[in-house]
Amino acid sequence: MSVDGPYGCPSKDDLRQITKHRTDEMELRMVEQVRAYYLIPGGIVRLVQQDAASGMSQIYSAEIRPDLWTLTKFLSRRPIKNTYGEIETPETSGLIQTETMGEHASIVSQGE
């Protein structure tokens, strides 16, 4: 399966719909209804959970609420480290402040 770009959706069903049966009209409608978001390649996200059976991952982004589901192939395979060798997360990147730290960070990519 191939898609034109990385998407994130609040529900797994919406993600399935936009990635399997995508048309420009449906994509626009889903974005307007806030059922789908475009993810910016290179954006730092935190992995919340993975569903290996469906090939989907739930991610947290400092820029978008709520947590989103995206295809796992849109995420980097390894945690991203900063110049000090520490794992980068939305919290440690300076984008937001929070008391808890995430599992690990990932970068949104066009697939690897």
Protein backbone atom coordinates (compact mmCIF):
# COMPACT_ATOMS: atom_id res chain seq x y z
CA MET A 1 0.00 0.00 0.00
CA SER A 2 1.27 3.44 -0.75
CA VAL A 3 -0.03 6.85 0.22
CA ASP A 4 0.96 10.31 -0.93
CA GLY A 5 2.01 11.48 2.49
CA PRO A 6 1.89 10.72 6.17
CA TYR A 7 -1.47 11.07 7.87
CA GLY A 8 -2.52 10.99 11.49
CA CYS A 9 -6.10 10.36 12.64
CA PRO A 10 -7.76 10.31 16.06
CA SER A 11 -9.31 6.90 15.29
CA LYS A 12 -7.99 3.74 13.68
CA ASP A 13 -11.08 3.53 11.46
CA ASP A 14 -10.45 6.99 10.00
CA LEU A 15 -6.81 6.10 9.35
CA ARG A 16 -7.86 2.92 7.56
CA GLN A 17 -10.33 4.92 5.46
CA ILE A 18 -7.91 7.66 4.38
CA THR A 19 -5.04 5.29 3.56
CA LYS A 20 -6.99 2.55 1.76
CA HIS A 21 -9.65 4.42 -0.18
CA ARG A 22 -8.08 7.85 -0.61
CA THR A 23 -9.46 10.36 -3.04
CA ASP A 24 -8.72 14.08 -3.03
CA GLU A 25 -12.35 14.82 -2.16
CA MET A 26 -12.44 12.38 0.76
CA GLU A 27 -9.04 13.58 2.02
CA LEU A 28 -10.20 17.21 2.00
CA ARG A 29 -13.47 16.31 3.73
CA MET A 30 -11.69 14.35 6.47
CA VAL A 31 -9.19 17.16 7.10
CA GLU A 32 -11.99 19.75 7.22
CA GLN A 33 -13.93 17.55 9.69
CA VAL A 34 -10.76 17.18 11.81
CA ARG A 35 -10.80 13.43 11.24
CA ALA A 36 -7.34 13.52 9.65
CA TYR A 37 -4.19 15.60 10.04
CA TYR A 38 -1.16 16.00 7.81
CA LEU A 39 2.00 15.12 9.72
CA ILE A 40 5.04 17.20 8.91
CA PRO A 41 8.03 15.03 7.98
CA GLY A 42 10.77 15.48 10.55
CA GLY A 43 8.38 16.38 13.38
CA ILE A 44 9.24 14.88 16.75
CA VAL A 45 6.55 12.66 18.27
CA ARG A 46 6.32 10.27 21.20
CA LEU A 47 5.17 6.70 20.66
CA VAL A 48 2.17 6.02 22.89
CA GLN A 49 1.37 2.47 21.73
CA GLN A 50 1.85 0.16 18.79
CA ASP A 51 -0.63 -2.21 17.19
CA ALA A 52 1.67 -4.54 15.29
CA ALA A 53 -1.21 -6.56 13.84
CA SER A 54 -2.66 -3.54 12.04
CA GLY A 55 0.66 -1.81 11.32
CA MET A 56 -0.52 1.28 13.21
CA SER A 57 1.00 3.32 16.02
CA GLN A 58 -0.56 5.86 18.33
CA ILE A 59 1.59 8.95 18.70
CA TYR A 60 1.68 12.11 20.79
CA SER A 61 2.69 15.40 19.17
CA ALA A 62 3.17 18.72 20.94
CA GLU A 63 1.42 20.50 18.06
CA ILE A 64 -1.72 18.36 17.68
CA ARG A 65 -4.33 17.25 20.17
CA PRO A 66 -5.54 14.49 20.64
CA ASP A 67 -3.09 11.61 20.26
CA LEU A 68 -3.18 10.32 16.69
CA TRP A 69 -2.98 6.97 14.96
CA THR A 70 -0.63 6.73 12.00
CA LEU A 71 0.90 3.93 9.98
CA THR A 72 4.00 2.64 11.72
CA LYS A 73 5.91 2.84 8.42
CA PHE A 74 5.62 6.65 8.64
CA LEU A 75 7.80 6.66 11.79
CA SER A 76 11.55 6.35 12.12
CA ARG A 77 12.67 2.94 13.35
CA ARG A 78 14.91 4.15 16.16
CA PRO A 79 14.54 6.76 18.90
CA ILE A 80 15.97 10.15 17.94
CA LYS A 81 18.89 11.39 20.02
CA ASN A 82 19.89 15.00 20.55
CA THR A 83 23.47 16.28 20.34
CA TYR A 84 24.12 15.09 23.91
CA GLY A 85 23.05 11.53 23.07
CA GLU A 86 19.80 11.79 25.03
CA ILE A 87 16.53 10.48 23.57
CA GLU A 88 14.51 13.38 22.19
CA THR A 89 10.80 13.68 23.00
CA PRO A 90 8.29 16.50 22.46
CA GLU A 91 8.90 17.40 26.12
CA THR A 92 12.71 17.46 25.96
CA SER A 93 12.78 19.25 22.61
CA GLY A 94 11.51 22.40 24.32
CA LEU A 95 8.18 22.31 22.48
CA ILE A 96 6.15 21.72 25.65
CA GLN A 97 6.56 21.33 29.39
CA THR A 98 5.26 18.31 31.29
CA GLU A 99 6.00 16.29 34.43
CA THR A 100 6.29 12.89 32.74
CA MET A 101 8.63 11.71 30.04
CA GLY A 102 7.57 9.53 27.11
CA GLU A 103 8.64 6.07 26.03
CA HIS A 104 10.78 7.33 23.18
CA ALA A 105 10.67 9.75 20.33
CA SER A 106 10.32 9.07 16.69
CA ILE A 107 10.52 11.23 13.60
CA VAL A 108 7.72 11.24 11.08
CA SER A 109 9.13 10.16 7.75
CA GLN A 110 7.92 9.04 4.35
CA GLY A 111 8.71 5.43 5.34
CA GLU A 112 12.01 3.69 5.43
